[in-house]
């Protein structure tokens, strides 16, 4: 090929592609799970699941207890600081305590798990987050629908015997 043609093609390519700087907008930090969870949540549904019956395929193994024991009054607040880091939580309503009604919380991961496993919300009695009082599994992450699902599992001797599945909506 002629060197003038090659030079001309190189200049044409440079002019067509070399002067364009992509504008990807300004940088924004990714949205963390703490950001999605923080705020006030009210109960839509509460199921009690008999884990032994479920494991052994014995019906019925779950029961809706939303309207029992005043659980329709259940609300929970997850608070964060100005950097969207988990701080305190508080259960509101005249309901039997399935876990400590107030304290501090932290997440096992800042983002959704890529392996399909739910993130864990760790509950603590102290601000230093050294005295753990419980764990909630984040089985459904809040999205555009403003709903979230958390699961509390009770066990004895390492074997789960009952779990409570809270379906919540943002207030």
Protein backbone atom coordinates (compact mmCIF):
# COMPACT_ATOMS: atom_id res chain seq x y z
CA UNK A 1 0.00 0.00 0.00
CA UNK A 2 0.99 3.52 -0.59
CA UNK A 3 2.47 5.29 2.47
CA UNK A 4 0.31 8.38 1.77
CA UNK A 5 -2.86 6.27 1.97
CA UNK A 6 -1.73 4.64 5.21
CA UNK A 7 -0.84 8.04 6.70
CA UNK A 8 -4.19 9.43 5.56
CA UNK A 9 -6.09 6.51 7.12
CA UNK A 10 -4.12 6.92 10.37
CA UNK A 11 -4.95 10.64 10.50
CA UNK A 12 -8.60 9.92 9.71
CA UNK A 13 -8.76 7.29 12.51
CA UNK A 14 -7.09 9.69 14.92
CA UNK A 15 -9.56 12.45 14.08
CA UNK A 16 -12.55 10.14 14.30
CA UNK A 17 -11.63 8.34 17.52
CA UNK A 18 -8.71 10.10 19.17
CA UNK A 19 -10.34 13.35 20.15
CA UNK A 20 -13.39 11.94 21.89
CA UNK A 21 -13.08 11.77 25.64
CA UNK A 22 -15.83 9.66 27.18
CA UNK A 23 -17.88 11.47 29.82
CA UNK A 24 -18.95 8.89 32.37
CA UNK A 25 -20.35 11.50 34.73
CA UNK A 26 -19.12 12.16 38.21
CA UNK A 27 -18.08 9.36 40.53
CA UNK A 28 -20.66 8.08 43.00
CA UNK A 29 -20.06 5.46 45.66
CA UNK A 30 -22.06 2.23 45.23
CA UNK A 31 -25.23 1.83 47.29
CA UNK A 32 -24.57 -0.35 50.33
CA UNK A 33 -26.96 -2.71 52.09
CA UNK A 34 -26.89 -0.38 55.11
CA UNK A 35 -28.25 2.40 52.90
CA UNK A 36 -31.05 0.14 51.69
CA UNK A 37 -31.94 -1.16 55.15
CA UNK A 38 -31.78 2.02 57.22
CA UNK A 39 -35.09 3.60 58.20
CA UNK A 40 -38.39 2.49 59.68
CA UNK A 41 -40.06 -0.77 58.68
CA UNK A 42 -43.51 -2.12 59.53
CA UNK A 43 -44.67 -5.71 59.52
CA UNK A 44 -46.59 -7.04 56.53
CA UNK A 45 -46.42 -10.70 57.51
CA UNK A 46 -44.76 -12.88 60.16
CA UNK A 47 -44.45 -16.63 59.66
CA UNK A 48 -43.29 -19.11 62.26
CA UNK A 49 -41.62 -22.10 60.62
CA UNK A 50 -41.19 -25.43 62.44
CA UNK A 51 -37.75 -26.35 61.08
CA UNK A 52 -37.95 -29.97 62.30
CA UNK A 53 -41.30 -30.52 60.56
CA UNK A 54 -40.02 -28.78 57.43
CA UNK A 55 -36.86 -30.95 57.33
CA UNK A 56 -38.96 -34.10 57.75
CA UNK A 57 -41.70 -33.03 55.31
CA UNK A 58 -44.40 -32.96 58.01
CA UNK A 59 -47.36 -30.69 57.22
CA UNK A 60 -48.12 -28.07 58.32
CA UNK A 61 -44.67 -26.73 59.05
CA UNK A 62 -45.43 -23.01 58.96
CA UNK A 63 -48.01 -20.76 60.54
CA UNK A 64 -48.86 -17.12 59.98
CA UNK A 65 -48.64 -15.40 63.38
CA UNK A 66 -48.92 -11.81 62.08
CA UNK A 67 -52.20 -11.14 63.87
CA UNK A 68 -51.34 -12.97 67.07
CA UNK A 69 -49.73 -11.38 70.15
CA UNK A 70 -50.07 -7.82 68.74
CA UNK A 71 -47.49 -8.46 66.01
CA UNK A 72 -49.52 -6.26 63.66
CA UNK A 73 -48.04 -3.40 65.77
CA UNK A 74 -44.44 -4.56 65.11
CA UNK A 75 -42.11 -1.92 63.69
CA UNK A 76 -38.33 -1.81 63.55
CA UNK A 77 -35.94 1.08 62.97
CA UNK A 78 -32.43 0.55 61.62
CA UNK A 79 -30.30 3.69 62.07
CA UNK A 80 -27.06 4.67 60.36
CA UNK A 81 -24.56 7.48 60.82
CA UNK A 82 -23.76 10.23 58.29
CA UNK A 83 -21.45 7.82 56.42
CA UNK A 84 -24.27 5.25 56.11
CA UNK A 85 -22.59 2.89 58.58
CA UNK A 86 -24.94 0.81 60.76
CA UNK A 87 -25.45 2.15 64.29
CA UNK A 88 -28.56 1.32 66.37
CA UNK A 89 -31.80 -0.59 65.94
CA UNK A 90 -35.05 -0.43 67.88
CA UNK A 91 -38.18 -2.61 67.89
CA UNK A 92 -41.37 -0.63 68.45
CA UNK A 93 -44.84 -1.86 69.37
CA UNK A 94 -46.24 -3.89 72.23
CA UNK A 95 -45.00 -7.25 70.94
CA UNK A 96 -43.30 -10.25 72.55
CA UNK A 97 -39.54 -10.00 72.07
CA UNK A 98 -38.15 -12.63 69.74
CA UNK A 99 -34.77 -10.87 69.92
CA UNK A 100 -33.40 -7.95 71.97
CA UNK A 101 -35.75 -5.00 71.40
CA UNK A 102 -32.93 -2.48 70.97
CA UNK A 103 -29.21 -2.33 70.54
CA UNK A 104 -26.65 -2.00 67.81
CA UNK A 105 -26.35 -3.70 64.44
CA UNK A 106 -23.77 -4.49 61.77
CA UNK A 107 -23.79 -6.38 58.48
CA UNK A 108 -21.69 -9.36 57.44
CA UNK A 109 -21.15 -7.66 54.07
CA UNK A 110 -21.63 -4.14 52.74
CA UNK A 111 -23.08 -5.53 49.50
CA UNK A 112 -25.32 -8.36 48.33
CA UNK A 113 -23.66 -11.75 48.22
CA UNK A 114 -22.71 -13.02 44.76
CA UNK A 115 -23.01 -16.64 45.90
CA UNK A 116 -26.76 -16.36 46.59
CA UNK A 117 -26.34 -16.61 50.36
CA UNK A 118 -28.18 -14.04 52.47
CA UNK A 119 -26.21 -11.36 54.28
CA UNK A 120 -26.37 -11.49 58.07
CA UNK A 121 -27.49 -8.64 60.31
CA UNK A 122 -25.59 -9.04 63.57
CA UNK A 123 -27.30 -7.65 66.68
CA UNK A 124 -25.26 -6.36 69.64
CA UNK A 125 -25.99 -4.98 73.10
CA UNK A 126 -23.01 -2.61 73.14
CA UNK A 127 -21.83 0.25 70.92
CA UNK A 128 -18.42 -1.40 70.47
CA UNK A 129 -20.24 -4.38 68.93
CA UNK A 130 -18.46 -6.98 71.03
CA UNK A 131 -21.47 -8.56 72.83
CA UNK A 132 -23.56 -10.24 70.14
CA UNK A 133 -27.19 -10.92 71.09
CA UNK A 134 -28.57 -12.35 67.85
CA UNK A 135 -28.45 -12.75 64.09
CA UNK A 136 -31.01 -11.99 61.40
CA UNK A 137 -30.62 -13.30 57.85
CA UNK A 138 -31.43 -10.74 55.16
CA UNK A 139 -33.35 -13.12 52.88
CA UNK A 140 -34.82 -10.42 50.63
CA UNK A 141 -33.00 -7.14 50.04
CA UNK A 142 -35.02 -3.92 49.83
CA UNK A 143 -35.36 -2.60 46.32
CA UNK A 144 -37.67 -0.31 44.42
CA UNK A 145 -40.75 -1.99 45.94
CA UNK A 146 -39.76 -0.92 49.47
CA UNK A 147 -40.01 -4.45 50.90
CA UNK A 148 -37.51 -6.49 52.88
CA UNK A 149 -37.50 -9.95 54.44
CA UNK A 150 -35.44 -10.99 57.46
CA UNK A 151 -35.28 -14.38 59.15
CA UNK A 152 -34.54 -15.18 62.78
CA UNK A 153 -33.63 -18.82 63.46
CA UNK A 154 -33.64 -20.36 66.93
CA UNK A 155 -31.51 -23.44 67.53
CA UNK A 156 -30.51 -25.80 70.29
CA UNK A 157 -27.35 -27.87 70.27
CA UNK A 158 -26.57 -26.59 66.76
CA UNK A 159 -29.90 -27.79 65.31
CA UNK A 160 -32.47 -25.25 64.12
CA UNK A 161 -35.92 -25.93 65.55
CA UNK A 162 -37.93 -22.80 64.69
CA UNK A 163 -37.51 -19.73 62.52
CA UNK A 164 -39.45 -16.52 62.18
CA UNK A 165 -39.73 -14.87 58.78
CA UNK A 166 -40.53 -11.15 58.93
CA UNK A 167 -41.81 -9.60 55.71
CA UNK A 168 -41.49 -5.83 56.15
CA UNK A 169 -42.28 -2.72 54.18
CA UNK A 170 -40.69 0.72 54.41
CA UNK A 171 -42.67 3.35 56.29
